[in-house]
Amino acid sequence: MVRVEAAGVNFIDVYHRTGLYKAPLPVTLGQEAAGTVEAVAPDVTDLSPGDRVAWAGTFGGYAEKAAVPADRHDTALYAKRAGRTLVRPALGRPAARRF
């Protein structure tokens, strides 16, 4: 469980909201967000409460708290401590986020 502290607002969110792109209902929009881990499942070993995380491609970013799959490395990007830089390709261009 991640406490969301920042969320990206992108065209894909608008497309989902208008119905241009279908989303499974019920859905909480917001496919890019960052925040602090509050709890992890017992089988998660590389994240712990207090870690700062960012993700893309998983719904839930507009909520106060989001359940983000830790094993989806294509969607869950993380740094163990503040001050590390996260990098992910965004439409073919690298995008860095500083924590």
N, C-alpha and C. Protein backbone atom coordinates (compact mmCIF):
# COMPACT_ATOMS: atom_id res chain seq x y z
N MET A 1 0.85 -1.17 0.00
CA MET A 1 0.00 0.00 0.00
C MET A 1 0.89 1.23 0.00
N VAL A 2 0.59 2.17 -0.88
CA VAL A 2 1.39 3.39 -1.02
C VAL A 2 0.51 4.60 -0.71
N ARG A 3 1.01 5.49 0.13
CA ARG A 3 0.35 6.78 0.38
C ARG A 3 0.78 7.70 -0.76
N VAL A 4 -0.16 8.08 -1.61
CA VAL A 4 0.14 8.89 -2.79
C VAL A 4 0.42 10.32 -2.38
N GLU A 5 1.55 10.85 -2.84
CA GLU A 5 1.93 12.23 -2.53
C GLU A 5 1.96 13.11 -3.77
N ALA A 6 2.06 12.50 -4.95
CA ALA A 6 2.04 13.25 -6.21
C ALA A 6 1.50 12.35 -7.29
N ALA A 7 0.71 12.92 -8.20
CA ALA A 7 0.14 12.14 -9.30
C ALA A 7 0.28 12.94 -10.59
N GLY A 8 0.59 12.22 -11.66
CA GLY A 8 0.66 12.85 -12.97
C GLY A 8 -0.72 12.87 -13.60
N VAL A 9 -1.01 13.94 -14.35
CA VAL A 9 -2.25 14.04 -15.10
C VAL A 9 -1.86 14.05 -16.57
N ASN A 10 -2.26 13.02 -17.29
CA ASN A 10 -1.83 12.85 -18.67
C ASN A 10 -3.02 12.65 -19.58
N PHE A 11 -2.77 12.72 -20.90
CA PHE A 11 -3.85 12.56 -21.85
C PHE A 11 -4.54 11.21 -21.72
N ILE A 12 -3.81 10.16 -21.38
CA ILE A 12 -4.46 8.86 -21.25
C ILE A 12 -5.53 8.88 -20.16
N ASP A 13 -5.31 9.66 -19.11
CA ASP A 13 -6.33 9.78 -18.06
C ASP A 13 -7.58 10.47 -18.61
N VAL A 14 -7.39 11.48 -19.43
CA VAL A 14 -8.52 12.17 -20.06
C VAL A 14 -9.25 11.20 -20.99
N TYR A 15 -8.50 10.41 -21.75
CA TYR A 15 -9.12 9.45 -22.66
C TYR A 15 -9.95 8.42 -21.89
N HIS A 16 -9.46 7.97 -20.75
CA HIS A 16 -10.23 7.03 -19.93
C HIS A 16 -11.47 7.71 -19.38
N ARG A 17 -11.31 8.95 -18.93
CA ARG A 17 -12.44 9.67 -18.33
C ARG A 17 -13.55 9.92 -19.35
N THR A 18 -13.18 10.24 -20.59
CA THR A 18 -14.20 10.52 -21.63
C THR A 18 -14.76 9.26 -22.25
N GLY A 19 -14.13 8.11 -22.00
CA GLY A 19 -14.61 6.86 -22.57
C GLY A 19 -13.95 6.49 -23.89
N LEU A 20 -13.04 7.33 -24.39
CA LEU A 20 -12.33 7.01 -25.62
C LEU A 20 -11.56 5.70 -25.46
N TYR A 21 -10.89 5.54 -24.30
CA TYR A 21 -10.23 4.28 -23.95
C TYR A 21 -11.06 3.64 -22.84
N LYS A 22 -11.38 2.37 -23.00
CA LYS A 22 -12.17 1.67 -22.00
C LYS A 22 -11.28 1.22 -20.84
N ALA A 23 -11.80 1.33 -19.64
CA ALA A 23 -11.11 0.88 -18.43
C ALA A 23 -12.03 -0.07 -17.70
N PRO A 24 -11.48 -1.10 -17.05
CA PRO A 24 -12.33 -2.01 -16.29
C PRO A 24 -12.96 -1.28 -15.10
N LEU A 25 -14.26 -1.43 -14.94
CA LEU A 25 -14.96 -0.74 -13.85
C LEU A 25 -15.12 -1.67 -12.66
N PRO A 26 -15.12 -1.18 -11.45
CA PRO A 26 -14.82 0.21 -11.07
C PRO A 26 -13.32 0.49 -11.21
N VAL A 27 -12.99 1.75 -11.44
CA VAL A 27 -11.60 2.12 -11.64
C VAL A 27 -11.32 3.46 -10.96
N THR A 28 -10.13 3.58 -10.41
CA THR A 28 -9.62 4.86 -9.92
C THR A 28 -8.53 5.28 -10.90
N LEU A 29 -8.75 6.38 -11.57
CA LEU A 29 -7.81 6.82 -12.61
C LEU A 29 -6.49 7.30 -12.02
N GLY A 30 -5.58 7.62 -12.89
CA GLY A 30 -4.25 8.08 -12.50
C GLY A 30 -3.24 6.97 -12.69
N GLN A 31 -2.50 7.01 -13.80
CA GLN A 31 -1.57 5.94 -14.11
C GLN A 31 -0.12 6.27 -13.80
N GLU A 32 0.15 7.45 -13.29
CA GLU A 32 1.50 7.79 -12.83
C GLU A 32 1.38 8.47 -11.48
N ALA A 33 2.17 8.01 -10.53
CA ALA A 33 2.13 8.62 -9.20
C ALA A 33 3.40 8.27 -8.42
N ALA A 34 3.55 8.94 -7.30
CA ALA A 34 4.69 8.69 -6.41
C ALA A 34 4.21 8.87 -4.98
N GLY A 35 4.89 8.19 -4.07
CA GLY A 35 4.51 8.32 -2.68
C GLY A 35 5.39 7.48 -1.78
N THR A 36 4.89 7.18 -0.59
CA THR A 36 5.63 6.45 0.43
C THR A 36 4.93 5.13 0.74
N VAL A 37 5.70 4.05 0.75
CA VAL A 37 5.16 2.74 1.07
C VAL A 37 4.70 2.73 2.52
N GLU A 38 3.46 2.30 2.75
CA GLU A 38 2.94 2.16 4.12
C GLU A 38 2.89 0.72 4.58
N ALA A 39 2.69 -0.21 3.64
CA ALA A 39 2.62 -1.63 3.99
C ALA A 39 2.98 -2.46 2.78
N VAL A 40 3.54 -3.63 3.02
CA VAL A 40 3.86 -4.56 1.94
C VAL A 40 3.33 -5.95 2.28
N ALA A 41 3.11 -6.74 1.26
CA ALA A 41 2.66 -8.12 1.45
C ALA A 41 3.81 -8.95 2.04
N PRO A 42 3.51 -10.04 2.72
CA PRO A 42 4.55 -10.85 3.35
C PRO A 42 5.60 -11.38 2.38
N ASP A 43 5.24 -11.58 1.11
CA ASP A 43 6.19 -12.12 0.15
C ASP A 43 7.06 -11.07 -0.53
N VAL A 44 6.86 -9.79 -0.24
CA VAL A 44 7.66 -8.71 -0.82
C VAL A 44 8.89 -8.50 0.04
N THR A 45 10.07 -8.67 -0.56
CA THR A 45 11.32 -8.59 0.20
C THR A 45 12.18 -7.38 -0.17
N ASP A 46 11.92 -6.73 -1.31
CA ASP A 46 12.79 -5.63 -1.72
C ASP A 46 12.21 -4.25 -1.45
N LEU A 47 11.06 -4.18 -0.82
CA LEU A 47 10.46 -2.91 -0.40
C LEU A 47 10.03 -3.02 1.05
N SER A 48 10.02 -1.88 1.74
CA SER A 48 9.56 -1.89 3.13
C SER A 48 8.88 -0.56 3.43
N PRO A 49 8.06 -0.51 4.48
CA PRO A 49 7.40 0.74 4.84
C PRO A 49 8.43 1.87 5.00
N GLY A 50 8.07 3.02 4.45
CA GLY A 50 8.96 4.18 4.50
C GLY A 50 9.72 4.41 3.21
N ASP A 51 9.81 3.39 2.34
CA ASP A 51 10.48 3.57 1.06
C ASP A 51 9.68 4.51 0.18
N ARG A 52 10.39 5.33 -0.61
CA ARG A 52 9.75 6.23 -1.57
C ARG A 52 9.66 5.49 -2.89
N VAL A 53 8.52 5.54 -3.55
CA VAL A 53 8.31 4.82 -4.80
C VAL A 53 7.61 5.70 -5.83
N ALA A 54 7.77 5.33 -7.09
CA ALA A 54 7.06 5.95 -8.19
C ALA A 54 6.65 4.86 -9.15
N TRP A 55 5.55 5.04 -9.86
CA TRP A 55 5.12 4.02 -10.81
C TRP A 55 4.37 4.65 -11.96
N ALA A 56 4.27 3.87 -13.03
CA ALA A 56 3.50 4.27 -14.21
C ALA A 56 2.82 3.04 -14.77
N GLY A 57 1.66 3.24 -15.36
CA GLY A 57 0.97 2.15 -16.03
C GLY A 57 0.06 1.32 -15.16
N THR A 58 -0.15 1.72 -13.92
CA THR A 58 -1.06 1.02 -13.02
C THR A 58 -2.07 2.02 -12.49
N PHE A 59 -3.35 1.70 -12.60
CA PHE A 59 -4.39 2.61 -12.12
C PHE A 59 -4.29 2.86 -10.62
N GLY A 60 -4.87 3.96 -10.15
CA GLY A 60 -4.96 4.23 -8.73
C GLY A 60 -4.24 5.48 -8.27
N GLY A 61 -3.56 6.17 -9.16
CA GLY A 61 -2.75 7.33 -8.77
C GLY A 61 -3.54 8.52 -8.25
N TYR A 62 -4.84 8.60 -8.55
CA TYR A 62 -5.64 9.73 -8.07
C TYR A 62 -6.19 9.50 -6.67
N ALA A 63 -5.96 8.35 -6.11
CA ALA A 63 -6.46 8.05 -4.76
C ALA A 63 -5.48 8.54 -3.70
N GLU A 64 -5.94 8.59 -2.46
CA GLU A 64 -5.04 8.94 -1.36
C GLU A 64 -4.04 7.82 -1.10
N LYS A 65 -4.50 6.57 -1.28
CA LYS A 65 -3.65 5.39 -1.11
C LYS A 65 -3.90 4.46 -2.28
N ALA A 66 -2.84 3.79 -2.73
CA ALA A 66 -2.96 2.91 -3.89
C ALA A 66 -2.26 1.59 -3.62
N ALA A 67 -2.88 0.51 -4.06
CA ALA A 67 -2.27 -0.82 -4.00
C ALA A 67 -1.51 -1.01 -5.31
N VAL A 68 -0.20 -0.96 -5.25
CA VAL A 68 0.65 -1.05 -6.44
C VAL A 68 1.38 -2.38 -6.41
N PRO A 69 1.29 -3.17 -7.48
CA PRO A 69 1.99 -4.46 -7.50
C PRO A 69 3.50 -4.27 -7.42
N ALA A 70 4.13 -4.85 -6.42
CA ALA A 70 5.57 -4.71 -6.25
C ALA A 70 6.35 -5.56 -7.24
N ASP A 71 5.74 -6.61 -7.75
CA ASP A 71 6.46 -7.52 -8.64
C ASP A 71 6.36 -7.12 -10.11
N ARG A 72 5.71 -6.03 -10.41
CA ARG A 72 5.58 -5.57 -11.79
C ARG A 72 6.64 -4.53 -12.06
N HIS A 73 7.84 -4.95 -12.36
CA HIS A 73 8.94 -4.01 -12.55
C HIS A 73 8.76 -3.12 -13.76
N ASP A 74 7.83 -3.47 -14.66
CA ASP A 74 7.53 -2.56 -15.75
C ASP A 74 6.65 -1.41 -15.28
N THR A 75 6.03 -1.54 -14.10
CA THR A 75 5.19 -0.47 -13.59
C THR A 75 5.67 0.08 -12.26
N ALA A 76 6.37 -0.69 -11.47
CA ALA A 76 6.80 -0.23 -10.15
C ALA A 76 8.28 0.11 -10.19
N LEU A 77 8.59 1.37 -10.10
CA LEU A 77 9.96 1.84 -10.07
C LEU A 77 10.23 2.35 -8.67
N TYR A 78 11.36 1.99 -8.10
CA TYR A 78 11.55 2.39 -6.72
C TYR A 78 13.00 2.69 -6.39
N ALA A 79 13.19 3.50 -5.39
CA ALA A 79 14.50 3.78 -4.81
C ALA A 79 14.39 3.50 -3.32
N LYS A 80 15.39 2.85 -2.76
CA LYS A 80 15.33 2.46 -1.36
C LYS A 80 15.43 3.66 -0.41
N ARG A 81 16.09 4.70 -0.79
CA ARG A 81 16.24 5.84 0.11
C ARG A 81 16.08 7.15 -0.66
N ALA A 82 15.68 8.19 0.04
CA ALA A 82 15.52 9.51 -0.57
C ALA A 82 16.86 9.98 -1.13
N GLY A 83 16.81 10.74 -2.22
CA GLY A 83 18.03 11.25 -2.82
C GLY A 83 18.48 10.46 -4.03
N ARG A 84 17.93 9.26 -4.22
CA ARG A 84 18.27 8.47 -5.40
C ARG A 84 17.48 8.99 -6.59
N THR A 85 17.94 8.73 -7.78
CA THR A 85 17.25 9.16 -8.99
C THR A 85 16.60 7.96 -9.66
N LEU A 86 15.33 8.11 -10.01
CA LEU A 86 14.60 7.07 -10.74
C LEU A 86 14.56 7.46 -12.20
N VAL A 87 14.79 6.52 -13.07
CA VAL A 87 14.76 6.79 -14.50
C VAL A 87 13.87 5.75 -15.16
N ARG A 88 12.99 6.20 -16.04
CA ARG A 88 12.17 5.28 -16.80
C ARG A 88 11.94 5.87 -18.18
N PRO A 89 11.85 5.02 -19.20
CA PRO A 89 11.54 5.55 -20.53
C PRO A 89 10.12 6.05 -20.58
N ALA A 90 9.92 7.22 -21.14
CA ALA A 90 8.58 7.79 -21.31
C ALA A 90 8.42 8.14 -22.78
N LEU A 91 7.64 7.34 -23.48
CA LEU A 91 7.43 7.55 -24.91
C LEU A 91 8.76 7.64 -25.66
N GLY A 92 9.69 6.77 -25.28
CA GLY A 92 10.97 6.73 -25.97
C GLY A 92 12.01 7.69 -25.42
N ARG A 93 11.63 8.56 -24.50
CA ARG A 93 12.58 9.52 -23.93
C ARG A 93 12.79 9.20 -22.46
N PRO A 94 14.01 9.25 -21.96
CA PRO A 94 14.22 8.99 -20.53
C PRO A 94 13.66 10.12 -19.69
N ALA A 95 13.04 9.77 -18.59
CA ALA A 95 12.50 10.76 -17.65
C ALA A 95 13.06 10.45 -16.26
N ALA A 96 13.66 11.41 -15.62
CA ALA A 96 14.25 11.20 -14.30
C ALA A 96 13.40 11.89 -13.24
N ARG A 97 13.27 11.25 -12.12
CA ARG A 97 12.56 11.82 -10.97
C ARG A 97 13.50 11.77 -9.78
N ARG A 98 13.65 12.86 -9.08
CA ARG A 98 14.52 12.92 -7.92
C ARG A 98 13.69 12.82 -6.66
N PHE A 99 14.13 11.99 -5.72
CA PHE A 99 13.41 11.79 -4.47
C PHE A 99 14.22 12.32 -3.33
